[in-house]
Amino acid sequence: MSKAGKDSLLGNKIAAGVLAAGLVLWGANRIAHIVVSDEAPEKPAILIAALPSAAPAATAPAGPESVLPLLAKADISKGQAFMQQQCSACHTFDNGGANGVGPNLYGVLGAPMFAHTGFSFSAAVKAKAKGSWDFDKMSDWLYAPNDFAPGTGMSYAGIKNTETRANVIAYLRTLSTRPLPLPTAAEVKAASAAPASAAPAAPAPAAAPVETLAALLTKADPAKGQALFQEQCSACHTITKGGPNGAGPNLYGMVGAKAFSTPGYSFSDAVKSKAGQPWTVETLDAWLKAPMSYAPGTYMAYPGIKNDQTRADMIAYLNQNSDSPAKLP
């Protein structure tokens, strides 16, 4: 150091410090490149799955499954038993049999659609009469008559089970002097390969608040009940005082009367266990909602009235047709 107090080597020291700092920085950088590569790896160490795309809307079958693959092995005796139970109240099956509430069904397969001699078909089904009854058309009709021909007078829910529908069609095939030929192997293969058409399922409606039967009866409209009766019940039932029994019993004075006890009418074994009990509005409501659930095996092949208010309207109308109407809420 000089006498003036200045360090003569200060410049050298500063230069040495800068050089040392540069060496440290360079060394650190090289070490970092060795420890952590700056090249992308062939496979990522952590795989992050892509977010799933929106799932397609649920679909529901738009029509019945084909019966063609089942017809060759269908159980004709089961088809016959089913028709005796659910169809004989309105139809006859013997050759030359009379028409009833519905047409005679002998020889129906292979015959022109909705054209049975002596029977008056509704305009709703006449509009669907194209060609003759084949296996596919009969399956579509039996699956849901009201969907096949909206407005049809045949108030029947239909046969949703494919095997049961095949059994019934196999039995209908025997009701002929010249039964339709069974489907060929090629037709069966084509029917098996073709998927049922589908349509997007409708969103479920919001649940409506449940009202009691008493509340529904207070605002019941007998006129609406009468209109429904004429549309869906009058083919099988009369409701005039002293009226005859038909495919179903006369219903005059039903509310408050003994259930399944109409004079001169032969009820099925399925309902006899409930015979003699009074037709209260509650039991009548349960019967009209789902006859086949109320009395499994009943001959009344009617799907029931699912709308609560419509059922109350019907009860109010039935109650009017009596010498002593019950006092409704």
C-alpha atoms as a PDB file:
ATOM      1  CA  MET A   1       0.000   0.000   0.000  1.00  0.00           C
ATOM      2  CA  SER A   2       1.278   3.446  -0.875  1.00  0.00           C
ATOM      3  CA  LYS A   3       1.773   6.261   1.500  1.00  0.00           C
ATOM      4  CA  ALA A   4      -1.331   7.935   0.285  1.00  0.00           C
ATOM      5  CA  GLY A   5      -3.408   4.945   1.693  1.00  0.00           C
ATOM      6  CA  LYS A   6      -4.410   3.622  -1.670  1.00  0.00           C
ATOM      7  CA  ASP A   7      -4.149  -0.104  -2.542  1.00  0.00           C
ATOM      8  CA  SER A   8      -2.145  -0.408  -5.721  1.00  0.00           C
ATOM      9  CA  LEU A   9      -3.529  -3.884  -6.358  1.00  0.00           C
ATOM     10  CA  LEU A  10      -7.266  -2.854  -6.073  1.00  0.00           C
ATOM     11  CA  GLY A  11      -7.863  -3.096  -9.826  1.00  0.00           C
ATOM     12  CA  ASN A  12      -6.304  -6.534  -9.954  1.00  0.00           C
ATOM     13  CA  LYS A  13      -8.424  -7.686  -7.027  1.00  0.00           C
ATOM     14  CA  ILE A  14     -11.656  -6.480  -8.683  1.00  0.00           C
ATOM     15  CA  ALA A  15     -10.759  -8.216 -11.934  1.00  0.00           C
ATOM     16  CA  ALA A  16      -9.950 -11.420 -10.048  1.00  0.00           C
ATOM     17  CA  GLY A  17     -13.321 -11.258  -8.228  1.00  0.00           C
ATOM     18  CA  VAL A  18     -15.284 -10.822 -11.461  1.00  0.00           C
ATOM     19  CA  LEU A  19     -13.372 -13.702 -13.038  1.00  0.00           C
ATOM     20  CA  ALA A  20     -14.012 -15.938 -10.015  1.00  0.00           C
ATOM     21  CA  ALA A  21     -17.750 -15.099 -10.063  1.00  0.00           C
ATOM     22  CA  GLY A  22     -17.917 -15.978 -13.768  1.00  0.00           C
ATOM     23  CA  LEU A  23     -16.190 -19.294 -13.161  1.00  0.00           C
ATOM     24  CA  VAL A  24     -18.659 -20.120 -10.350  1.00  0.00           C
ATOM     25  CA  LEU A  25     -21.657 -19.221 -12.574  1.00  0.00           C
ATOM     26  CA  TRP A  26     -20.326 -21.305 -15.466  1.00  0.00           C
ATOM     27  CA  GLY A  27     -19.663 -24.280 -13.211  1.00  0.00           C
ATOM     28  CA  ALA A  28     -23.151 -24.104 -11.683  1.00  0.00           C
ATOM     29  CA  ASN A  29     -24.706 -23.982 -15.118  1.00  0.00           C
ATOM     30  CA  ARG A  30     -22.834 -27.082 -16.262  1.00  0.00           C
ATOM     31  CA  ILE A  31     -23.819 -28.983 -13.122  1.00  0.00           C
ATOM     32  CA  ALA A  32     -27.480 -28.021 -13.667  1.00  0.00           C
ATOM     33  CA  HIS A  33     -27.351 -29.357 -17.260  1.00  0.00           C
ATOM     34  CA  ILE A  34     -25.970 -32.641 -16.003  1.00  0.00           C
ATOM     35  CA  VAL A  35     -28.540 -33.031 -13.222  1.00  0.00           C
ATOM     36  CA  VAL A  36     -31.606 -31.788 -15.164  1.00  0.00           C
ATOM     37  CA  SER A  37     -31.682 -32.348 -18.932  1.00  0.00           C
ATOM     38  CA  ASP A  38     -33.138 -29.587 -21.073  1.00  0.00           C
ATOM     39  CA  GLU A  39     -34.407 -32.134 -23.651  1.00  0.00           C
ATOM     40  CA  ALA A  40     -37.979 -33.472 -23.465  1.00  0.00           C
ATOM     41  CA  PRO A  41     -38.078 -37.158 -22.374  1.00  0.00           C
ATOM     42  CA  GLU A  42     -39.492 -39.772 -24.729  1.00  0.00           C
ATOM     43  CA  LYS A  43     -42.120 -40.665 -22.112  1.00  0.00           C
ATOM     44  CA  PRO A  44     -43.406 -38.292 -19.456  1.00  0.00           C
ATOM     45  CA  ALA A  45     -42.672 -39.316 -15.902  1.00  0.00           C
ATOM     46  CA  ILE A  46     -46.255 -38.502 -14.838  1.00  0.00           C
ATOM     47  CA  LEU A  47     -49.073 -39.220 -17.258  1.00  0.00           C
ATOM     48  CA  ILE A  48     -52.030 -36.832 -16.974  1.00  0.00           C
ATOM     49  CA  ALA A  49     -55.120 -38.305 -18.534  1.00  0.00           C
ATOM     50  CA  ALA A  50     -57.198 -36.147 -20.796  1.00  0.00           C
ATOM     51  CA  LEU A  51     -60.595 -35.087 -19.512  1.00  0.00           C
ATOM     52  CA  PRO A  52     -63.334 -37.412 -20.809  1.00  0.00           C
ATOM     53  CA  SER A  53     -65.563 -36.013 -23.511  1.00  0.00           C
ATOM     54  CA  ALA A  54     -69.233 -35.581 -22.781  1.00  0.00           C
ATOM     55  CA  ALA A  55     -71.029 -38.950 -22.835  1.00  0.00           C
ATOM     56  CA  PRO A  56     -73.757 -39.378 -25.440  1.00  0.00           C
ATOM     57  CA  ALA A  57     -77.314 -39.043 -24.255  1.00  0.00           C
ATOM     58  CA  ALA A  58     -78.937 -42.252 -23.096  1.00  0.00           C
ATOM     59  CA  THR A  59     -81.013 -43.940 -25.716  1.00  0.00           C
ATOM     60  CA  ALA A  60     -84.162 -45.990 -25.497  1.00  0.00           C
ATOM     61  CA  PRO A  61     -85.436 -48.564 -27.948  1.00  0.00           C
ATOM     62  CA  ALA A  62     -87.846 -46.964 -30.397  1.00  0.00           C
ATOM     63  CA  GLY A  63     -89.576 -50.220 -31.294  1.00  0.00           C
ATOM     64  CA  PRO A  64     -89.884 -53.903 -30.474  1.00  0.00           C
ATOM     65  CA  GLU A  65     -87.125 -56.458 -30.843  1.00  0.00           C
ATOM     66  CA  SER A  66     -87.682 -58.744 -33.835  1.00  0.00           C
ATOM     67  CA  VAL A  67     -89.465 -62.030 -33.135  1.00  0.00           C
ATOM     68  CA  LEU A  68     -88.169 -63.730 -36.305  1.00  0.00           C
ATOM     69  CA  PRO A  69     -85.213 -65.465 -34.576  1.00  0.00           C
ATOM     70  CA  LEU A  70     -87.582 -66.936 -31.942  1.00  0.00           C
ATOM     71  CA  LEU A  71     -90.489 -68.194 -34.054  1.00  0.00           C
ATOM     72  CA  ALA A  72     -89.042 -71.591 -34.993  1.00  0.00           C
ATOM     73  CA  LYS A  73     -88.675 -72.551 -31.306  1.00  0.00           C
ATOM     74  CA  ALA A  74     -91.612 -70.562 -29.920  1.00  0.00           C
ATOM     75  CA  ASP A  75     -93.930 -72.319 -27.448  1.00  0.00           C
ATOM     76  CA  ILE A  76     -97.324 -72.479 -29.167  1.00  0.00           C
ATOM     77  CA  SER A  77     -99.075 -73.815 -26.057  1.00  0.00           C
ATOM     78  CA  LYS A  78     -97.890 -70.814 -24.023  1.00  0.00           C
ATOM     79  CA  GLY A  79     -99.119 -68.497 -26.765  1.00  0.00           C
ATOM     80  CA  GLN A  80    -102.503 -70.181 -26.715  1.00  0.00           C
ATOM     81  CA  ALA A  81    -102.757 -69.964 -22.914  1.00  0.00           C
ATOM     82  CA  PHE A  82    -101.805 -66.288 -22.999  1.00  0.00           C
ATOM     83  CA  MET A  83    -104.449 -65.483 -25.604  1.00  0.00           C
ATOM     84  CA  GLN A  84    -107.132 -67.440 -23.764  1.00  0.00           C
ATOM     85  CA  GLN A  85    -106.357 -65.415 -20.675  1.00  0.00           C
ATOM     86  CA  GLN A  86    -105.952 -61.947 -22.148  1.00  0.00           C
ATOM     87  CA  CYS A  87    -107.665 -61.906 -25.536  1.00  0.00           C
ATOM     88  CA  SER A  88    -110.643 -64.279 -25.428  1.00  0.00           C
ATOM     89  CA  ALA A  89    -112.924 -61.719 -23.787  1.00  0.00           C
ATOM     90  CA  CYS A  90    -112.922 -59.725 -27.026  1.00  0.00           C
ATOM     91  CA  HIS A  91    -111.853 -62.194 -29.753  1.00  0.00           C
ATOM     92  CA  THR A  92    -112.750 -65.660 -31.005  1.00  0.00           C
ATOM     93  CA  PHE A  93    -110.112 -67.943 -32.521  1.00  0.00           C
ATOM     94  CA  ASP A  94    -112.025 -70.758 -34.243  1.00  0.00           C
ATOM     95  CA  ASN A  95    -112.536 -71.084 -37.987  1.00  0.00           C
ATOM     96  CA  GLY A  96    -115.732 -69.223 -38.873  1.00  0.00           C
ATOM     97  CA  GLY A  97    -116.088 -67.850 -35.350  1.00  0.00           C
ATOM     98  CA  ALA A  98    -118.190 -64.760 -34.763  1.00  0.00           C
ATOM     99  CA  ASN A  99    -116.748 -61.316 -34.281  1.00  0.00           C
ATOM    100  CA  GLY A 100    -117.033 -59.953 -30.783  1.00  0.00           C
ATOM    101  CA  VAL A 101    -115.768 -56.715 -29.330  1.00  0.00           C
ATOM    102  CA  GLY A 102    -112.814 -57.423 -31.613  1.00  0.00           C
ATOM    103  CA  PRO A 103    -112.686 -59.397 -34.860  1.00  0.00           C
ATOM    104  CA  ASN A 104    -112.361 -63.169 -35.113  1.00  0.00           C
ATOM    105  CA  LEU A 105    -108.641 -63.984 -35.412  1.00  0.00           C
ATOM    106  CA  TYR A 106    -108.672 -67.236 -37.366  1.00  0.00           C
ATOM    107  CA  GLY A 107    -106.513 -66.833 -40.457  1.00  0.00           C
ATOM    108  CA  VAL A 108    -105.390 -63.315 -39.504  1.00  0.00           C
ATOM    109  CA  LEU A 109    -101.696 -63.892 -40.361  1.00  0.00           C
ATOM    110  CA  GLY A 110    -101.315 -63.496 -44.106  1.00  0.00           C
ATOM    111  CA  ALA A 111    -104.700 -61.808 -44.449  1.00  0.00           C
ATOM    112  CA  PRO A 112    -105.173 -58.126 -45.435  1.00  0.00           C
ATOM    113  CA  MET A 113    -104.652 -55.797 -42.485  1.00  0.00           C
ATOM    114  CA  PHE A 114    -107.758 -54.573 -40.631  1.00  0.00           C
ATOM    115  CA  ALA A 115    -110.118 -55.979 -43.228  1.00  0.00           C
ATOM    116  CA  HIS A 116    -111.934 -58.851 -41.510  1.00  0.00           C
ATOM    117  CA  THR A 117    -115.349 -59.463 -43.025  1.00  0.00           C
ATOM    118  CA  GLY A 118    -118.246 -58.144 -40.989  1.00  0.00           C
ATOM    119  CA  PHE A 119    -116.190 -56.155 -38.508  1.00  0.00           C
ATOM    120  CA  SER A 120    -116.201 -52.363 -38.414  1.00  0.00           C
ATOM    121  CA  PHE A 121    -112.664 -51.102 -37.892  1.00  0.00           C
ATOM    122  CA  SER A 122    -111.866 -47.603 -36.662  1.00  0.00           C
ATOM    123  CA  ALA A 123    -110.504 -44.912 -38.963  1.00  0.00           C
ATOM    124  CA  ALA A 124    -107.287 -44.958 -36.896  1.00  0.00           C
ATOM    125  CA  VAL A 125    -106.406 -48.509 -37.922  1.00  0.00           C
ATOM    126  CA  LYS A 126    -107.713 -48.235 -41.472  1.00  0.00           C
ATOM    127  CA  ALA A 127    -105.071 -45.571 -42.077  1.00  0.00           C
ATOM    128  CA  LYS A 128    -102.411 -48.175 -41.180  1.00  0.00           C
ATOM    129  CA  ALA A 129    -103.850 -50.934 -43.361  1.00  0.00           C
ATOM    130  CA  LYS A 130    -101.073 -51.484 -45.912  1.00  0.00           C
ATOM    131  CA  GLY A 131    -100.661 -54.946 -47.340  1.00  0.00           C
ATOM    132  CA  SER A 132    -101.142 -58.114 -45.321  1.00  0.00           C
ATOM    133  CA  TRP A 133    -100.267 -59.187 -41.796  1.00  0.00           C
ATOM    134  CA  ASP A 134     -96.751 -60.640 -41.732  1.00  0.00           C
ATOM    135  CA  PHE A 135     -94.723 -61.579 -38.657  1.00  0.00           C
ATOM    136  CA  ASP A 136     -93.037 -58.178 -38.303  1.00  0.00           C
ATOM    137  CA  LYS A 137     -96.233 -56.153 -38.664  1.00  0.00           C
ATOM    138  CA  MET A 138     -98.057 -58.357 -36.179  1.00  0.00           C
ATOM    139  CA  SER A 139     -95.171 -58.000 -33.730  1.00  0.00           C
ATOM    140  CA  ASP A 140     -95.245 -54.204 -34.031  1.00  0.00           C
ATOM    141  CA  TRP A 141     -99.028 -54.165 -33.508  1.00  0.00           C
ATOM    142  CA  LEU A 142     -98.973 -56.488 -30.497  1.00  0.00           C
ATOM    143  CA  TYR A 143     -96.056 -54.611 -28.929  1.00  0.00           C
ATOM    144  CA  ALA A 144     -98.055 -51.373 -28.562  1.00  0.00           C
ATOM    145  CA  PRO A 145    -101.394 -51.065 -30.406  1.00  0.00           C
ATOM    146  CA  ASN A 146    -101.838 -47.418 -29.435  1.00  0.00           C
ATOM    147  CA  ASP A 147     -98.403 -46.532 -30.811  1.00  0.00           C
ATOM    148  CA  PHE A 148     -98.941 -48.535 -33.992  1.00  0.00           C
ATOM    149  CA  ALA A 149    -102.286 -46.841 -34.680  1.00  0.00           C
ATOM    150  CA  PRO A 150    -102.862 -43.829 -32.388  1.00  0.00           C
ATOM    151  CA  GLY A 151    -106.566 -43.521 -31.634  1.00  0.00           C
ATOM    152  CA  THR A 152    -107.337 -47.222 -32.069  1.00  0.00           C
ATOM    153  CA  GLY A 153    -110.325 -48.537 -30.127  1.00  0.00           C
ATOM    154  CA  MET A 154    -108.219 -51.476 -28.893  1.00  0.00           C
ATOM    155  CA  SER A 155    -107.438 -50.359 -25.355  1.00  0.00           C
ATOM    156  CA  TYR A 156    -104.695 -52.905 -24.707  1.00  0.00           C
ATOM    157  CA  ALA A 157    -101.270 -52.062 -23.312  1.00  0.00           C
ATOM    158  CA  GLY A 158     -99.443 -54.496 -25.582  1.00  0.00           C
ATOM    159  CA  ILE A 159     -96.994 -57.370 -25.105  1.00  0.00           C
ATOM    160  CA  LYS A 160     -93.559 -55.985 -24.255  1.00  0.00           C
ATOM    161  CA  ASN A 161     -91.799 -59.302 -23.659  1.00  0.00           C
ATOM    162  CA  THR A 162     -90.306 -60.501 -26.951  1.00  0.00           C
ATOM    163  CA  GLU A 163     -90.525 -64.212 -26.110  1.00  0.00           C
ATOM    164  CA  THR A 164     -94.194 -63.929 -25.097  1.00  0.00           C
ATOM    165  CA  ARG A 165     -94.954 -61.987 -28.269  1.00  0.00           C
ATOM    166  CA  ALA A 166     -93.232 -64.706 -30.330  1.00  0.00           C
ATOM    167  CA  ASN A 167     -95.291 -67.402 -28.573  1.00  0.00           C
ATOM    168  CA  VAL A 168     -98.526 -65.547 -29.338  1.00  0.00           C
ATOM    169  CA  ILE A 169     -97.595 -65.029 -33.002  1.00  0.00           C
ATOM    170  CA  ALA A 170     -96.596 -68.696 -33.305  1.00  0.00           C
ATOM    171  CA  TYR A 171    -100.057 -69.649 -31.998  1.00  0.00           C
ATOM    172  CA  LEU A 172    -101.779 -67.212 -34.372  1.00  0.00           C
ATOM    173  CA  ARG A 173     -99.831 -68.866 -37.207  1.00  0.00           C
ATOM    174  CA  THR A 174    -101.516 -72.192 -36.411  1.00  0.00           C
ATOM    175  CA  LEU A 175    -104.966 -70.594 -36.772  1.00  0.00           C
ATOM    176  CA  SER A 176    -105.037 -71.076 -40.506  1.00  0.00           C
ATOM    177  CA  THR A 177    -105.643 -73.694 -43.176  1.00  0.00           C
ATOM    178  CA  ARG A 178    -102.476 -72.402 -44.871  1.00  0.00           C
ATOM    179  CA  PRO A 179    -100.044 -71.138 -42.188  1.00  0.00           C
ATOM    180  CA  LEU A 180     -97.457 -68.583 -43.218  1.00  0.00           C
ATOM    181  CA  PRO A 181     -94.024 -70.153 -43.887  1.00  0.00           C
ATOM    182  CA  LEU A 182     -91.585 -69.630 -41.046  1.00  0.00           C
ATOM    183  CA  PRO A 183     -88.803 -67.087 -41.695  1.00  0.00           C
ATOM    184  CA  THR A 184     -85.896 -68.323 -43.799  1.00  0.00           C
ATOM    185  CA  ALA A 185     -82.390 -68.614 -42.381  1.00  0.00           C
ATOM    186  CA  ALA A 186     -81.415 -65.478 -44.305  1.00  0.00           C
ATOM    187  CA  GLU A 187     -84.354 -63.530 -42.851  1.00  0.00           C
ATOM    188  CA  VAL A 188     -83.520 -64.707 -39.330  1.00  0.00           C
ATOM    189  CA  LYS A 189     -79.846 -63.736 -39.811  1.00  0.00           C
ATOM    190  CA  ALA A 190     -80.804 -60.292 -41.094  1.00  0.00           C
ATOM    191  CA  ALA A 191     -83.218 -59.745 -38.198  1.00  0.00           C
ATOM    192  CA  SER A 192     -80.575 -60.866 -35.685  1.00  0.00           C
ATOM    193  CA  ALA A 193     -77.944 -58.542 -37.140  1.00  0.00           C
ATOM    194  CA  ALA A 194     -80.114 -55.456 -37.416  1.00  0.00           C
ATOM    195  CA  PRO A 195     -79.989 -53.453 -34.156  1.00  0.00           C
ATOM    196  CA  ALA A 196     -83.229 -51.984 -32.908  1.00  0.00           C
ATOM    197  CA  SER A 197     -83.549 -48.367 -33.924  1.00  0.00           C
ATOM    198  CA  ALA A 198     -83.065 -45.933 -31.089  1.00  0.00           C
ATOM    199  CA  ALA A 199     -84.172 -42.465 -30.220  1.00  0.00           C
ATOM    200  CA  PRO A 200     -82.794 -40.142 -27.543  1.00  0.00           C
ATOM    201  CA  ALA A 201     -84.486 -40.682 -24.250  1.00  0.00           C
ATOM    202  CA  ALA A 202     -86.657 -37.826 -23.170  1.00  0.00           C
ATOM    203  CA  PRO A 203     -85.590 -36.116 -19.962  1.00  0.00           C
ATOM    204  CA  ALA A 204     -87.588 -37.211 -16.946  1.00  0.00           C
ATOM    205  CA  PRO A 205     -90.307 -34.717 -16.071  1.00  0.00           C
ATOM    206  CA  ALA A 206     -90.181 -33.027 -12.722  1.00  0.00           C
ATOM    207  CA  ALA A 207     -92.185 -34.887 -10.111  1.00  0.00           C
ATOM    208  CA  ALA A 208     -95.561 -33.314  -9.466  1.00  0.00           C
ATOM    209  CA  PRO A 209     -96.782 -32.923  -5.894  1.00  0.00           C
ATOM    210  CA  VAL A 210     -98.873 -35.916  -4.838  1.00  0.00           C
ATOM    211  CA  GLU A 211    -102.492 -35.180  -3.982  1.00  0.00           C
ATOM    212  CA  THR A 212    -104.708 -37.397  -1.857  1.00  0.00           C
ATOM    213  CA  LEU A 213    -107.607 -39.245  -3.455  1.00  0.00           C
ATOM    214  CA  ALA A 214    -110.022 -37.133  -1.415  1.00  0.00           C
ATOM    215  CA  ALA A 215    -108.488 -33.934  -2.790  1.00  0.00           C
ATOM    216  CA  LEU A 216    -108.687 -35.273  -6.345  1.00  0.00           C
ATOM    217  CA  LEU A 217    -112.333 -36.267  -5.929  1.00  0.00           C
ATOM    218  CA  THR A 218    -113.303 -32.786  -4.718  1.00  0.00           C
ATOM    219  CA  LYS A 219    -112.377 -31.393  -8.134  1.00  0.00           C
ATOM    220  CA  ALA A 220    -113.306 -34.453 -10.215  1.00  0.00           C
ATOM    221  CA  ASP A 221    -115.158 -33.834 -13.488  1.00  0.00           C
ATOM    222  CA  PRO A 222    -117.773 -36.562 -14.216  1.00  0.00           C
ATOM    223  CA  ALA A 223    -118.122 -35.300 -17.806  1.00  0.00           C
ATOM    224  CA  LYS A 224    -114.459 -36.084 -18.447  1.00  0.00           C
ATOM    225  CA  GLY A 225    -114.966 -39.478 -16.850  1.00  0.00           C
ATOM    226  CA  GLN A 226    -117.920 -40.129 -19.153  1.00  0.00           C
ATOM    227  CA  ALA A 227    -115.889 -39.184 -22.231  1.00  0.00           C
ATOM    228  CA  LEU A 228    -113.108 -41.577 -21.196  1.00  0.00           C
ATOM    229  CA  PHE A 229    -115.633 -44.326 -20.489  1.00  0.00           C
ATOM    230  CA  GLN A 230    -117.162 -43.977 -23.946  1.00  0.00           C
ATOM    231  CA  GLU A 231    -113.724 -44.052 -25.535  1.00  0.00           C
ATOM    232  CA  GLN A 232    -112.074 -46.876 -23.593  1.00  0.00           C
ATOM    233  CA  CYS A 233    -114.694 -48.886 -21.691  1.00  0.00           C
ATOM    234  CA  SER A 234    -117.955 -48.932 -23.635  1.00  0.00           C
ATOM    235  CA  ALA A 235    -116.723 -51.635 -26.017  1.00  0.00           C
ATOM    236  CA  CYS A 236    -116.826 -54.153 -23.162  1.00  0.00           C
ATOM    237  CA  HIS A 237    -119.179 -52.630 -20.558  1.00  0.00           C
ATOM    238  CA  THR A 238    -122.659 -51.135 -20.377  1.00  0.00           C
ATOM    239  CA  ILE A 239    -123.533 -48.656 -17.652  1.00  0.00           C
ATOM    240  CA  THR A 240    -127.275 -48.173 -18.058  1.00  0.00           C
ATOM    241  CA  LYS A 241    -129.605 -49.424 -15.333  1.00  0.00           C
ATOM    242  CA  GLY A 242    -130.544 -53.007 -16.132  1.00  0.00           C
ATOM    243  CA  GLY A 243    -128.135 -53.046 -19.074  1.00  0.00           C
ATOM    244  CA  PRO A 244    -126.811 -56.409 -20.284  1.00  0.00           C
ATOM    245  CA  ASN A 245    -123.407 -57.810 -19.523  1.00  0.00           C
ATOM    246  CA  GLY A 246    -120.986 -57.821 -22.430  1.00  0.00           C
ATOM    247  CA  ALA A 247    -117.360 -58.867 -22.581  1.00  0.00           C
ATOM    248  CA  GLY A 248    -117.301 -57.242 -19.141  1.00  0.00           C
ATOM    249  CA  PRO A 249    -120.104 -56.850 -16.579  1.00  0.00           C
ATOM    250  CA  ASN A 250    -122.678 -54.068 -16.503  1.00  0.00           C
ATOM    251  CA  LEU A 251    -121.333 -51.272 -14.262  1.00  0.00           C
ATOM    252  CA  TYR A 252    -124.507 -49.454 -13.132  1.00  0.00           C
ATOM    253  CA  GLY A 253    -124.445 -48.960  -9.368  1.00  0.00           C
ATOM    254  CA  MET A 254    -120.864 -50.156  -9.113  1.00  0.00           C
ATOM    255  CA  VAL A 255    -119.619 -47.727  -6.444  1.00  0.00           C
ATOM    256  CA  GLY A 256    -120.565 -49.166  -3.048  1.00  0.00           C
ATOM    257  CA  ALA A 257    -121.734 -52.504  -4.503  1.00  0.00           C
ATOM    258  CA  LYS A 258    -120.075 -55.856  -3.840  1.00  0.00           C
ATOM    259  CA  ALA A 259    -117.010 -56.329  -6.012  1.00  0.00           C
ATOM    260  CA  PHE A 260    -117.022 -58.919  -8.781  1.00  0.00           C
ATOM    261  CA  SER A 261    -120.569 -60.012  -7.952  1.00  0.00           C
ATOM    262  CA  THR A 262    -122.651 -58.770 -10.908  1.00  0.00           C
ATOM    263  CA  PRO A 263    -125.544 -61.225 -11.463  1.00  0.00           C
ATOM    264  CA  GLY A 264    -125.279 -63.322 -14.609  1.00  0.00           C
ATOM    265  CA  TYR A 265    -121.603 -62.619 -15.245  1.00  0.00           C
ATOM    266  CA  SER A 266    -118.876 -65.267 -14.948  1.00  0.00           C
ATOM    267  CA  PHE A 267    -115.802 -63.791 -13.284  1.00  0.00           C
ATOM    268  CA  SER A 268    -112.316 -65.311 -13.497  1.00  0.00           C
ATOM    269  CA  ASP A 269    -110.740 -67.198 -10.625  1.00  0.00           C
ATOM    270  CA  ALA A 270    -108.196 -64.403 -10.300  1.00  0.00           C
ATOM    271  CA  VAL A 271    -110.822 -61.935  -9.000  1.00  0.00           C
ATOM    272  CA  LYS A 272    -113.013 -64.366  -7.056  1.00  0.00           C
ATOM    273  CA  SER A 273    -110.798 -64.028  -3.986  1.00  0.00           C
ATOM    274  CA  LYS A 274    -111.759 -60.347  -3.884  1.00  0.00           C
ATOM    275  CA  ALA A 275    -115.448 -60.905  -4.621  1.00  0.00           C
ATOM    276  CA  GLY A 276    -117.951 -59.658  -2.074  1.00  0.00           C
ATOM    277  CA  GLN A 277    -115.825 -56.817  -0.753  1.00  0.00           C
ATOM    278  CA  PRO A 278    -117.451 -53.407  -1.240  1.00  0.00           C
ATOM    279  CA  TRP A 279    -116.243 -51.208  -4.074  1.00  0.00           C
ATOM    280  CA  THR A 280    -115.064 -48.243  -2.005  1.00  0.00           C
ATOM    281  CA  VAL A 281    -113.489 -45.299  -3.790  1.00  0.00           C
ATOM    282  CA  GLU A 282    -110.111 -46.539  -2.515  1.00  0.00           C
ATOM    283  CA  THR A 283    -110.444 -50.097  -3.841  1.00  0.00           C
ATOM    284  CA  LEU A 284    -111.942 -48.803  -7.092  1.00  0.00           C
ATOM    285  CA  ASP A 285    -109.027 -46.401  -7.451  1.00  0.00           C
ATOM    286  CA  ALA A 286    -106.538 -49.274  -7.016  1.00  0.00           C
ATOM    287  CA  TRP A 287    -108.412 -51.473  -9.527  1.00  0.00           C
ATOM    288  CA  LEU A 288    -108.678 -48.771 -12.165  1.00  0.00           C
ATOM    289  CA  LYS A 289    -105.007 -47.855 -11.801  1.00  0.00           C
ATOM    290  CA  ALA A 290    -103.713 -51.337 -12.654  1.00  0.00           C
ATOM    291  CA  PRO A 291    -106.234 -54.194 -12.943  1.00  0.00           C
ATOM    292  CA  MET A 292    -103.553 -56.808 -13.590  1.00  0.00           C
ATOM    293  CA  SER A 293    -101.626 -55.757 -10.476  1.00  0.00           C
ATOM    294  CA  TYR A 294    -104.762 -55.589  -8.327  1.00  0.00           C
ATOM    295  CA  ALA A 295    -105.816 -59.100  -9.393  1.00  0.00           C
ATOM    296  CA  PRO A 296    -102.980 -60.926 -11.219  1.00  0.00           C
ATOM    297  CA  GLY A 297    -104.408 -63.222 -13.871  1.00  0.00           C
ATOM    298  CA  THR A 298    -107.584 -61.206 -14.420  1.00  0.00           C
ATOM    299  CA  TYR A 299    -109.157 -61.446 -17.846  1.00  0.00           C
ATOM    300  CA  MET A 300    -109.478 -57.673 -17.957  1.00  0.00           C
ATOM    301  CA  ALA A 301    -106.626 -56.922 -20.336  1.00  0.00           C
ATOM    302  CA  TYR A 302    -106.655 -53.185 -19.702  1.00  0.00           C
ATOM    303  CA  PRO A 303    -103.486 -51.289 -18.779  1.00  0.00           C
ATOM    304  CA  GLY A 304    -105.292 -49.058 -16.310  1.00  0.00           C
ATOM    305  CA  ILE A 305    -105.665 -45.310 -15.838  1.00  0.00           C
ATOM    306  CA  LYS A 306    -102.295 -43.993 -14.690  1.00  0.00           C
ATOM    307  CA  ASN A 307    -103.218 -40.319 -14.257  1.00  0.00           C
ATOM    308  CA  ASP A 308    -104.563 -39.749 -10.744  1.00  0.00           C
ATOM    309  CA  GLN A 309    -106.979 -36.958 -11.658  1.00  0.00           C
ATOM    310  CA  THR A 310    -108.320 -38.853 -14.679  1.00  0.00           C
ATOM    311  CA  ARG A 311    -108.972 -41.832 -12.421  1.00  0.00           C
ATOM    312  CA  ALA A 312    -110.856 -39.596 -10.002  1.00  0.00           C
ATOM    313  CA  ASP A 313    -112.933 -38.254 -12.916  1.00  0.00           C
ATOM    314  CA  MET A 314    -113.859 -41.824 -13.852  1.00  0.00           C
ATOM    315  CA  ILE A 315    -114.857 -42.690 -10.277  1.00  0.00           C
ATOM    316  CA  ALA A 316    -117.048 -39.591 -10.112  1.00  0.00           C
ATOM    317  CA  TYR A 317    -118.776 -40.638 -13.354  1.00  0.00           C
ATOM    318  CA  LEU A 318    -119.287 -44.230 -12.197  1.00  0.00           C
ATOM    319  CA  ASN A 319    -120.713 -42.925  -8.927  1.00  0.00           C
ATOM    320  CA  GLN A 320    -123.316 -40.858 -10.782  1.00  0.00           C
ATOM    321  CA  ASN A 321    -124.692 -43.977 -12.432  1.00  0.00           C
ATOM    322  CA  SER A 322    -126.425 -45.378  -9.405  1.00  0.00           C
ATOM    323  CA  ASP A 323    -129.783 -45.281  -7.603  1.00  0.00           C
ATOM    324  CA  SER A 324    -127.907 -44.251  -4.466  1.00  0.00           C
ATOM    325  CA  PRO A 325    -124.657 -42.441  -5.336  1.00  0.00           C
ATOM    326  CA  ALA A 326    -122.037 -42.483  -2.603  1.00  0.00           C
ATOM    327  CA  LYS A 327    -121.162 -39.224  -0.908  1.00  0.00           C
ATOM    328  CA  LEU A 328    -117.822 -38.219  -2.341  1.00  0.00           C
ATOM    329  CA  PRO A 329    -115.520 -35.646  -0.726  1.00  0.00           C
END
